[in-house]
Amino acid sequence: MIRYQVGDVVRTRKPHPCGGDQWEVMRTGIDFRIKCLTCGRVVMLPRPKFEKSVRAIVRSNSDDNQTGK
């Protein structure tokens, strides 16, 4: 199971109507709040729908924590 953290940037399978496909995770739990990095739109998704729509983690917040940033 993949662990998502606040601050992670993920790429989705389908692009947002603005054309962006990268999102920042703002909240985790039963629901996820994500923000489009292209237009700034904030969306709430249930966990199953979020996990199904994510293609890859572009930048992980845990990597930043380990390097001391």
PDB file of N, CA and C in Angstrom:
ATOM      1  N   MET A   1       0.843  -1.186   0.000  1.00  0.00           N
ATOM      2  CA  MET A   1       0.000   0.000   0.000  1.00  0.00           C
ATOM      3  C   MET A   1       0.885   1.245   0.000  1.00  0.00           C
ATOM      4  N   ILE A   2       0.574   2.174  -0.864  1.00  0.00           N
ATOM      5  CA  ILE A   2       1.343   3.409  -0.963  1.00  0.00           C
ATOM      6  C   ILE A   2       0.848   4.385   0.092  1.00  0.00           C
ATOM      7  N   ARG A   3       1.780   5.007   0.786  1.00  0.00           N
ATOM      8  CA  ARG A   3       1.451   6.017   1.789  1.00  0.00           C
ATOM      9  C   ARG A   3       1.594   7.401   1.164  1.00  0.00           C
ATOM     10  N   TYR A   4       0.542   8.182   1.220  1.00  0.00           N
ATOM     11  CA  TYR A   4       0.578   9.560   0.729  1.00  0.00           C
ATOM     12  C   TYR A   4       0.674  10.483   1.930  1.00  0.00           C
ATOM     13  N   GLN A   5       1.446  11.566   1.787  1.00  0.00           N
ATOM     14  CA  GLN A   5       1.609  12.536   2.858  1.00  0.00           C
ATOM     15  C   GLN A   5       1.259  13.921   2.344  1.00  0.00           C
ATOM     16  N   VAL A   6       0.916  14.793   3.273  1.00  0.00           N
ATOM     17  CA  VAL A   6       0.651  16.184   2.921  1.00  0.00           C
ATOM     18  C   VAL A   6       1.934  16.765   2.326  1.00  0.00           C
ATOM     19  N   GLY A   7       1.809  17.439   1.195  1.00  0.00           N
ATOM     20  CA  GLY A   7       2.961  18.027   0.521  1.00  0.00           C
ATOM     21  C   GLY A   7       3.450  17.221  -0.663  1.00  0.00           C
ATOM     22  N   ASP A   8       3.012  15.962  -0.799  1.00  0.00           N
ATOM     23  CA  ASP A   8       3.391  15.155  -1.962  1.00  0.00           C
ATOM     24  C   ASP A   8       2.789  15.775  -3.224  1.00  0.00           C
ATOM     25  N   VAL A   9       3.491  15.650  -4.339  1.00  0.00           N
ATOM     26  CA  VAL A   9       2.972  16.066  -5.641  1.00  0.00           C
ATOM     27  C   VAL A   9       2.755  14.804  -6.456  1.00  0.00           C
ATOM     28  N   VAL A  10       1.528  14.623  -6.958  1.00  0.00           N
ATOM     29  CA  VAL A  10       1.180  13.420  -7.708  1.00  0.00           C
ATOM     30  C   VAL A  10       0.745  13.778  -9.125  1.00  0.00           C
ATOM     31  N   ARG A  11       0.922  12.818 -10.043  1.00  0.00           N
ATOM     32  CA  ARG A  11       0.454  12.968 -11.424  1.00  0.00           C
ATOM     33  C   ARG A  11      -0.772  12.079 -11.585  1.00  0.00           C
ATOM     34  N   THR A  12      -1.831  12.606 -12.183  1.00  0.00           N
ATOM     35  CA  THR A  12      -3.074  11.853 -12.351  1.00  0.00           C
ATOM     36  C   THR A  12      -3.156  11.257 -13.753  1.00  0.00           C
ATOM     37  N   ARG A  13      -4.009  10.247 -13.873  1.00  0.00           N
ATOM     38  CA  ARG A  13      -4.192   9.569 -15.159  1.00  0.00           C
ATOM     39  C   ARG A  13      -4.835  10.494 -16.198  1.00  0.00           C
ATOM     40  N   LYS A  14      -5.854  11.229 -15.779  1.00  0.00           N
ATOM     41  CA  LYS A  14      -6.548  12.135 -16.686  1.00  0.00           C
ATOM     42  C   LYS A  14      -6.203  13.569 -16.313  1.00  0.00           C
ATOM     43  N   PRO A  15      -5.944  14.424 -17.295  1.00  0.00           N
ATOM     44  CA  PRO A  15      -5.628  15.819 -16.968  1.00  0.00           C
ATOM     45  C   PRO A  15      -6.867  16.583 -16.490  1.00  0.00           C
ATOM     46  N   HIS A  16      -6.626  17.608 -15.709  1.00  0.00           N
ATOM     47  CA  HIS A  16      -7.672  18.532 -15.262  1.00  0.00           C
ATOM     48  C   HIS A  16      -8.125  19.333 -16.484  1.00  0.00           C
ATOM     49  N   PRO A  17      -9.345  19.859 -16.517  1.00  0.00           N
ATOM     50  CA  PRO A  17      -9.791  20.650 -17.676  1.00  0.00           C
ATOM     51  C   PRO A  17      -8.874  21.825 -18.026  1.00  0.00           C
ATOM     52  N   CYS A  18      -8.096  22.325 -17.062  1.00  0.00           N
ATOM     53  CA  CYS A  18      -7.162  23.422 -17.352  1.00  0.00           C
ATOM     54  C   CYS A  18      -5.930  22.911 -18.097  1.00  0.00           C
ATOM     55  N   GLY A  19      -5.741  21.601 -18.158  1.00  0.00           N
ATOM     56  CA  GLY A  19      -4.598  21.017 -18.857  1.00  0.00           C
ATOM     57  C   GLY A  19      -3.531  20.465 -17.931  1.00  0.00           C
ATOM     58  N   GLY A  20      -3.606  20.786 -16.646  1.00  0.00           N
ATOM     59  CA  GLY A  20      -2.602  20.321 -15.689  1.00  0.00           C
ATOM     60  C   GLY A  20      -2.881  18.902 -15.226  1.00  0.00           C
ATOM     61  N   ASP A  21      -1.802  18.167 -14.944  1.00  0.00           N
ATOM     62  CA  ASP A  21      -1.973  16.809 -14.426  1.00  0.00           C
ATOM     63  C   ASP A  21      -1.174  16.582 -13.148  1.00  0.00           C
ATOM     64  N   GLN A  22      -0.644  17.662 -12.554  1.00  0.00           N
ATOM     65  CA  GLN A  22       0.095  17.536 -11.299  1.00  0.00           C
ATOM     66  C   GLN A  22      -0.675  18.224 -10.179  1.00  0.00           C
ATOM     67  N   TRP A  23      -0.773  17.507  -9.075  1.00  0.00           N
ATOM     68  CA  TRP A  23      -1.570  17.959  -7.937  1.00  0.00           C
ATOM     69  C   TRP A  23      -0.759  17.848  -6.653  1.00  0.00           C
ATOM     70  N   GLU A  24      -0.956  18.794  -5.742  1.00  0.00           N
ATOM     71  CA  GLU A  24      -0.328  18.747  -4.427  1.00  0.00           C
ATOM     72  C   GLU A  24      -1.337  18.215  -3.424  1.00  0.00           C
ATOM     73  N   VAL A  25      -0.933  17.256  -2.609  1.00  0.00           N
ATOM     74  CA  VAL A  25      -1.806  16.693  -1.581  1.00  0.00           C
ATOM     75  C   VAL A  25      -1.838  17.663  -0.405  1.00  0.00           C
ATOM     76  N   MET A  26      -3.038  18.126  -0.066  1.00  0.00           N
ATOM     77  CA  MET A  26      -3.202  19.084   1.028  1.00  0.00           C
ATOM     78  C   MET A  26      -3.764  18.443   2.288  1.00  0.00           C
ATOM     79  N   ARG A  27      -4.458  17.307   2.133  1.00  0.00           N
ATOM     80  CA  ARG A  27      -5.057  16.613   3.274  1.00  0.00           C
ATOM     81  C   ARG A  27      -5.164  15.142   2.935  1.00  0.00           C
ATOM     82  N   THR A  28      -4.903  14.281   3.915  1.00  0.00           N
ATOM     83  CA  THR A  28      -5.056  12.847   3.727  1.00  0.00           C
ATOM     84  C   THR A  28      -6.024  12.319   4.771  1.00  0.00           C
ATOM     85  N   GLY A  29      -6.493  11.104   4.553  1.00  0.00           N
ATOM     86  CA  GLY A  29      -7.436  10.477   5.471  1.00  0.00           C
ATOM     87  C   GLY A  29      -8.460   9.712   4.666  1.00  0.00           C
ATOM     88  N   ILE A  30      -9.694   9.723   5.135  1.00  0.00           N
ATOM     89  CA  ILE A  30     -10.766   9.070   4.379  1.00  0.00           C
ATOM     90  C   ILE A  30     -10.986   9.818   3.069  1.00  0.00           C
ATOM     91  N   ASP A  31     -10.911  11.144   3.131  1.00  0.00           N
ATOM     92  CA  ASP A  31     -10.990  11.986   1.943  1.00  0.00           C
ATOM     93  C   ASP A  31      -9.638  12.646   1.719  1.00  0.00           C
ATOM     94  N   PHE A  32      -9.331  12.926   0.456  1.00  0.00           N
ATOM     95  CA  PHE A  32      -8.107  13.637   0.110  1.00  0.00           C
ATOM     96  C   PHE A  32      -8.475  15.002  -0.430  1.00  0.00           C
ATOM     97  N   ARG A  33      -7.748  16.026  -0.017  1.00  0.00           N
ATOM     98  CA  ARG A  33      -7.888  17.353  -0.609  1.00  0.00           C
ATOM     99  C   ARG A  33      -6.622  17.570  -1.428  1.00  0.00           C
ATOM    100  N   ILE A  34      -6.809  17.844  -2.719  1.00  0.00           N
ATOM    101  CA  ILE A  34      -5.667  18.059  -3.601  1.00  0.00           C
ATOM    102  C   ILE A  34      -5.838  19.389  -4.324  1.00  0.00           C
ATOM    103  N   LYS A  35      -4.703  19.997  -4.696  1.00  0.00           N
ATOM    104  CA  LYS A  35      -4.718  21.297  -5.370  1.00  0.00           C
ATOM    105  C   LYS A  35      -3.987  21.184  -6.698  1.00  0.00           C
ATOM    106  N   CYS A  36      -4.639  21.638  -7.767  1.00  0.00           N
ATOM    107  CA  CYS A  36      -4.034  21.634  -9.097  1.00  0.00           C
ATOM    108  C   CYS A  36      -2.893  22.650  -9.105  1.00  0.00           C
ATOM    109  N   LEU A  37      -1.722  22.225  -9.539  1.00  0.00           N
ATOM    110  CA  LEU A  37      -0.568  23.121  -9.559  1.00  0.00           C
ATOM    111  C   LEU A  37      -0.574  24.059 -10.763  1.00  0.00           C
ATOM    112  N   THR A  38      -1.486  23.850 -11.715  1.00  0.00           N
ATOM    113  CA  THR A  38      -1.581  24.721 -12.874  1.00  0.00           C
ATOM    114  C   THR A  38      -2.522  25.897 -12.618  1.00  0.00           C
ATOM    115  N   CYS A  39      -3.740  25.596 -12.149  1.00  0.00           N
ATOM    116  CA  CYS A  39      -4.736  26.661 -11.989  1.00  0.00           C
ATOM    117  C   CYS A  39      -5.069  26.982 -10.531  1.00  0.00           C
ATOM    118  N   GLY A  40      -4.670  26.112  -9.596  1.00  0.00           N
ATOM    119  CA  GLY A  40      -4.918  26.386  -8.183  1.00  0.00           C
ATOM    120  C   GLY A  40      -6.237  25.862  -7.649  1.00  0.00           C
ATOM    121  N   ARG A  41      -7.008  25.164  -8.456  1.00  0.00           N
ATOM    122  CA  ARG A  41      -8.299  24.617  -8.022  1.00  0.00           C
ATOM    123  C   ARG A  41      -8.077  23.565  -6.947  1.00  0.00           C
ATOM    124  N   VAL A  42      -8.911  23.598  -5.897  1.00  0.00           N
ATOM    125  CA  VAL A  42      -8.830  22.622  -4.809  1.00  0.00           C
ATOM    126  C   VAL A  42     -10.017  21.674  -4.925  1.00  0.00           C
ATOM    127  N   VAL A  43      -9.738  20.371  -4.843  1.00  0.00           N
ATOM    128  CA  VAL A  43     -10.758  19.339  -5.017  1.00  0.00           C
ATOM    129  C   VAL A  43     -10.679  18.351  -3.854  1.00  0.00           C
ATOM    130  N   MET A  44     -11.833  17.914  -3.365  1.00  0.00           N
ATOM    131  CA  MET A  44     -11.901  16.853  -2.350  1.00  0.00           C
ATOM    132  C   MET A  44     -12.340  15.573  -3.052  1.00  0.00           C
ATOM    133  N   LEU A  45     -11.609  14.477  -2.786  1.00  0.00           N
ATOM    134  CA  LEU A  45     -11.934  13.180  -3.370  1.00  0.00           C
ATOM    135  C   LEU A  45     -11.943  12.116  -2.286  1.00  0.00           C
ATOM    136  N   PRO A  46     -12.851  11.136  -2.384  1.00  0.00           N
ATOM    137  CA  PRO A  46     -12.769   9.992  -1.474  1.00  0.00           C
ATOM    138  C   PRO A  46     -11.508   9.187  -1.766  1.00  0.00           C
ATOM    139  N   ARG A  47     -10.964   8.544  -0.747  1.00  0.00           N
ATOM    140  CA  ARG A  47      -9.699   7.802  -0.869  1.00  0.00           C
ATOM    141  C   ARG A  47      -9.688   6.821  -2.041  1.00  0.00           C
ATOM    142  N   PRO A  48     -10.718   5.960  -2.218  1.00  0.00           N
ATOM    143  CA  PRO A  48     -10.649   4.992  -3.336  1.00  0.00           C
ATOM    144  C   PRO A  48     -10.537   5.677  -4.706  1.00  0.00           C
ATOM    145  N   LYS A  49     -11.275   6.760  -4.911  1.00  0.00           N
ATOM    146  CA  LYS A  49     -11.229   7.458  -6.192  1.00  0.00           C
ATOM    147  C   LYS A  49      -9.858   8.125  -6.395  1.00  0.00           C
ATOM    148  N   PHE A  50      -9.306   8.704  -5.321  1.00  0.00           N
ATOM    149  CA  PHE A  50      -7.980   9.327  -5.409  1.00  0.00           C
ATOM    150  C   PHE A  50      -6.916   8.300  -5.769  1.00  0.00           C
ATOM    151  N   GLU A  51      -6.893   7.174  -5.048  1.00  0.00           N
ATOM    152  CA  GLU A  51      -5.868   6.153  -5.286  1.00  0.00           C
ATOM    153  C   GLU A  51      -5.974   5.567  -6.689  1.00  0.00           C
ATOM    154  N   LYS A  52      -7.190   5.485  -7.203  1.00  0.00           N
ATOM    155  CA  LYS A  52      -7.404   4.962  -8.553  1.00  0.00           C
ATOM    156  C   LYS A  52      -6.920   5.953  -9.614  1.00  0.00           C
ATOM    157  N   SER A  53      -7.015   7.246  -9.324  1.00  0.00           N
ATOM    158  CA  SER A  53      -6.677   8.258 -10.329  1.00  0.00           C
ATOM    159  C   SER A  53      -5.196   8.630 -10.361  1.00  0.00           C
ATOM    160  N   VAL A  54      -4.430   8.248  -9.339  1.00  0.00           N
ATOM    161  CA  VAL A  54      -3.012   8.625  -9.293  1.00  0.00           C
ATOM    162  C   VAL A  54      -2.185   7.693 -10.165  1.00  0.00           C
ATOM    163  N   ARG A  55      -1.367   8.277 -11.020  1.00  0.00           N
ATOM    164  CA  ARG A  55      -0.465   7.515 -11.879  1.00  0.00           C
ATOM    165  C   ARG A  55       0.899   7.356 -11.218  1.00  0.00           C
ATOM    166  N   ALA A  56       1.427   8.441 -10.643  1.00  0.00           N
ATOM    167  CA  ALA A  56       2.760   8.392 -10.041  1.00  0.00           C
ATOM    168  C   ALA A  56       2.935   9.520  -9.032  1.00  0.00           C
ATOM    169  N   ILE A  57       3.859   9.321  -8.100  1.00  0.00           N
ATOM    170  CA  ILE A  57       4.250  10.385  -7.186  1.00  0.00           C
ATOM    171  C   ILE A  57       5.423  11.108  -7.834  1.00  0.00           C
ATOM    172  N   VAL A  58       5.227  12.382  -8.138  1.00  0.00           N
ATOM    173  CA  VAL A  58       6.259  13.171  -8.799  1.00  0.00           C
ATOM    174  C   VAL A  58       7.321  13.593  -7.787  1.00  0.00           C
ATOM    175  N   ARG A  59       6.860  14.123  -6.656  1.00  0.00           N
ATOM    176  CA  ARG A  59       7.779  14.566  -5.605  1.00  0.00           C
ATOM    177  C   ARG A  59       7.167  14.174  -4.272  1.00  0.00           C
ATOM    178  N   SER A  60       7.927  13.477  -3.477  1.00  0.00           N
ATOM    179  CA  SER A  60       7.430  12.999  -2.190  1.00  0.00           C
ATOM    180  C   SER A  60       7.910  13.914  -1.068  1.00  0.00           C
ATOM    181  N   ASN A  61       7.026  14.228  -0.164  1.00  0.00           N
ATOM    182  CA  ASN A  61       7.361  15.071   0.986  1.00  0.00           C
ATOM    183  C   ASN A  61       8.332  14.346   1.900  1.00  0.00           C
ATOM    184  N   SER A  62       8.289  13.012   1.965  1.00  0.00           N
ATOM    185  CA  SER A  62       9.191  12.256   2.832  1.00  0.00           C
ATOM    186  C   SER A  62      10.632  12.362   2.335  1.00  0.00           C
ATOM    187  N   ASP A  63      10.842  12.522   1.011  1.00  0.00           N
ATOM    188  CA  ASP A  63      12.194  12.713   0.484  1.00  0.00           C
ATOM    189  C   ASP A  63      12.781  14.027   0.992  1.00  0.00           C
ATOM    190  N   ASP A  64      11.951  15.076   1.027  1.00  0.00           N
ATOM    191  CA  ASP A  64      12.404  16.378   1.525  1.00  0.00           C
ATOM    192  C   ASP A  64      12.755  16.302   2.999  1.00  0.00           C
ATOM    193  N   ASN A  65      11.977  15.546   3.782  1.00  0.00           N
ATOM    194  CA  ASN A  65      12.223  15.426   5.206  1.00  0.00           C
ATOM    195  C   ASN A  65      13.522  14.686   5.477  1.00  0.00           C
ATOM    196  N   GLN A  66      13.856  13.683   4.668  1.00  0.00           N
ATOM    197  CA  GLN A  66      15.057  12.896   4.887  1.00  0.00           C
ATOM    198  C   GLN A  66      16.327  13.667   4.543  1.00  0.00           C
ATOM    199  N   THR A  67      16.244  14.580   3.578  1.00  0.00           N
ATOM    200  CA  THR A  67      17.423  15.348   3.181  1.00  0.00           C
ATOM    201  C   THR A  67      17.598  16.600   4.029  1.00  0.00           C
ATOM    202  N   GLY A  68      16.621  16.880   4.890  1.00  0.00           N
ATOM    203  CA  GLY A  68      16.730  18.011   5.797  1.00  0.00           C
ATOM    204  C   GLY A  68      16.237  19.324   5.236  1.00  0.00           C
ATOM    205  N   LYS A  69      15.467  19.302   4.169  1.00  0.00           N
ATOM    206  CA  LYS A  69      14.948  20.543   3.583  1.00  0.00           C
ATOM    207  C   LYS A  69      13.717  21.001   4.298  1.00  0.00           C
TER     208      LYS A  69
END
